[in-house]
């Protein structure tokens, strides 16, 4: 399980590095990461202090620190 989460975290990091800030739903749909795995990976990246999470209206926007 931790391998899958780590892989998803890497995909998210690369996506944000290439495309800039994006909503969780956009990252999920464009990377193909499932909703459960994306939430786990966001937690991983946030714990490592590599991710900023901001609420814009009802959407969470992710960006790299």
C-alpha atoms as a PDB file:
ATOM      1  CA  UNK A   1       0.000   0.000   0.000  1.00  0.00           C
ATOM      2  CA  UNK A   2       2.730   2.515   0.892  1.00  0.00           C
ATOM      3  CA  UNK A   3       4.341   1.900  -2.522  1.00  0.00           C
ATOM      4  CA  UNK A   4       1.084   2.843  -4.252  1.00  0.00           C
ATOM      5  CA  UNK A   5       0.747   5.980  -2.135  1.00  0.00           C
ATOM      6  CA  UNK A   6       4.354   6.954  -2.814  1.00  0.00           C
ATOM      7  CA  UNK A   7       3.847   6.459  -6.537  1.00  0.00           C
ATOM      8  CA  UNK A   8       0.706   8.616  -6.451  1.00  0.00           C
ATOM      9  CA  UNK A   9       2.562  11.308  -4.479  1.00  0.00           C
ATOM     10  CA  UNK A  10       5.259  11.347  -7.159  1.00  0.00           C
ATOM     11  CA  UNK A  11       2.663  11.702  -9.924  1.00  0.00           C
ATOM     12  CA  UNK A  12       0.991  14.583  -8.089  1.00  0.00           C
ATOM     13  CA  UNK A  13       4.304  16.339  -7.476  1.00  0.00           C
ATOM     14  CA  UNK A  14       5.334  16.012 -11.143  1.00  0.00           C
ATOM     15  CA  UNK A  15       1.899  17.169 -12.337  1.00  0.00           C
ATOM     16  CA  UNK A  16       1.997  20.286 -10.158  1.00  0.00           C
ATOM     17  CA  UNK A  17       5.620  20.974 -11.105  1.00  0.00           C
ATOM     18  CA  UNK A  18       4.719  20.907 -14.808  1.00  0.00           C
ATOM     19  CA  UNK A  19       1.268  22.541 -14.657  1.00  0.00           C
ATOM     20  CA  UNK A  20       1.216  24.771 -11.572  1.00  0.00           C
ATOM     21  CA  UNK A  21      -1.581  24.969  -8.984  1.00  0.00           C
ATOM     22  CA  UNK A  22      -4.671  22.870  -9.651  1.00  0.00           C
ATOM     23  CA  UNK A  23      -7.775  21.590  -7.909  1.00  0.00           C
ATOM     24  CA  UNK A  24      -7.777  18.129  -6.381  1.00  0.00           C
ATOM     25  CA  UNK A  25     -10.438  16.965  -8.829  1.00  0.00           C
ATOM     26  CA  UNK A  26      -8.432  18.224 -11.823  1.00  0.00           C
ATOM     27  CA  UNK A  27      -5.254  16.509 -10.616  1.00  0.00           C
ATOM     28  CA  UNK A  28      -7.203  13.303 -10.014  1.00  0.00           C
ATOM     29  CA  UNK A  29      -8.864  13.293 -13.430  1.00  0.00           C
ATOM     30  CA  UNK A  30      -5.722  14.243 -15.368  1.00  0.00           C
ATOM     31  CA  UNK A  31      -3.394  11.801 -13.588  1.00  0.00           C
ATOM     32  CA  UNK A  32      -5.846   8.911 -13.297  1.00  0.00           C
ATOM     33  CA  UNK A  33      -5.242   8.578  -9.549  1.00  0.00           C
ATOM     34  CA  UNK A  34      -8.275   7.288  -7.635  1.00  0.00           C
ATOM     35  CA  UNK A  35      -9.988   9.561  -5.102  1.00  0.00           C
ATOM     36  CA  UNK A  36      -8.785   7.443  -2.159  1.00  0.00           C
ATOM     37  CA  UNK A  37      -5.180   7.277  -3.353  1.00  0.00           C
ATOM     38  CA  UNK A  38      -5.050  10.985  -4.133  1.00  0.00           C
ATOM     39  CA  UNK A  39      -6.168  11.861  -0.604  1.00  0.00           C
ATOM     40  CA  UNK A  40      -3.545   9.536   0.882  1.00  0.00           C
ATOM     41  CA  UNK A  41      -0.839  10.990  -1.376  1.00  0.00           C
ATOM     42  CA  UNK A  42      -1.842  14.556  -0.482  1.00  0.00           C
ATOM     43  CA  UNK A  43      -1.380  13.616   3.174  1.00  0.00           C
ATOM     44  CA  UNK A  44       2.049  12.188   2.394  1.00  0.00           C
ATOM     45  CA  UNK A  45       3.171  15.339   0.546  1.00  0.00           C
ATOM     46  CA  UNK A  46       1.710  17.642   3.202  1.00  0.00           C
ATOM     47  CA  UNK A  47       3.529  15.730   5.964  1.00  0.00           C
ATOM     48  CA  UNK A  48       6.782  16.159   4.048  1.00  0.00           C
ATOM     49  CA  UNK A  49       5.987  19.910   3.803  1.00  0.00           C
ATOM     50  CA  UNK A  50       6.074  19.845  -0.005  1.00  0.00           C
ATOM     51  CA  UNK A  51       2.498  20.886  -0.636  1.00  0.00           C
ATOM     52  CA  UNK A  52       0.261  23.870   0.035  1.00  0.00           C
ATOM     53  CA  UNK A  53      -3.488  23.349   0.210  1.00  0.00           C
ATOM     54  CA  UNK A  54      -5.781  26.339  -0.188  1.00  0.00           C
ATOM     55  CA  UNK A  55      -9.560  26.500  -0.274  1.00  0.00           C
ATOM     56  CA  UNK A  56     -10.940  28.469  -3.213  1.00  0.00           C
ATOM     57  CA  UNK A  57     -14.678  28.456  -2.815  1.00  0.00           C
ATOM     58  CA  UNK A  58     -15.591  24.805  -2.355  1.00  0.00           C
ATOM     59  CA  UNK A  59     -12.519  23.457  -4.151  1.00  0.00           C
ATOM     60  CA  UNK A  60      -9.174  22.571  -2.621  1.00  0.00           C
ATOM     61  CA  UNK A  61      -6.293  23.920  -4.707  1.00  0.00           C
ATOM     62  CA  UNK A  62      -2.928  22.199  -4.506  1.00  0.00           C
ATOM     63  CA  UNK A  63       0.423  23.832  -5.184  1.00  0.00           C
ATOM     64  CA  UNK A  64       4.050  23.034  -4.475  1.00  0.00           C
ATOM     65  CA  UNK A  65       5.944  24.923  -1.784  1.00  0.00           C
END
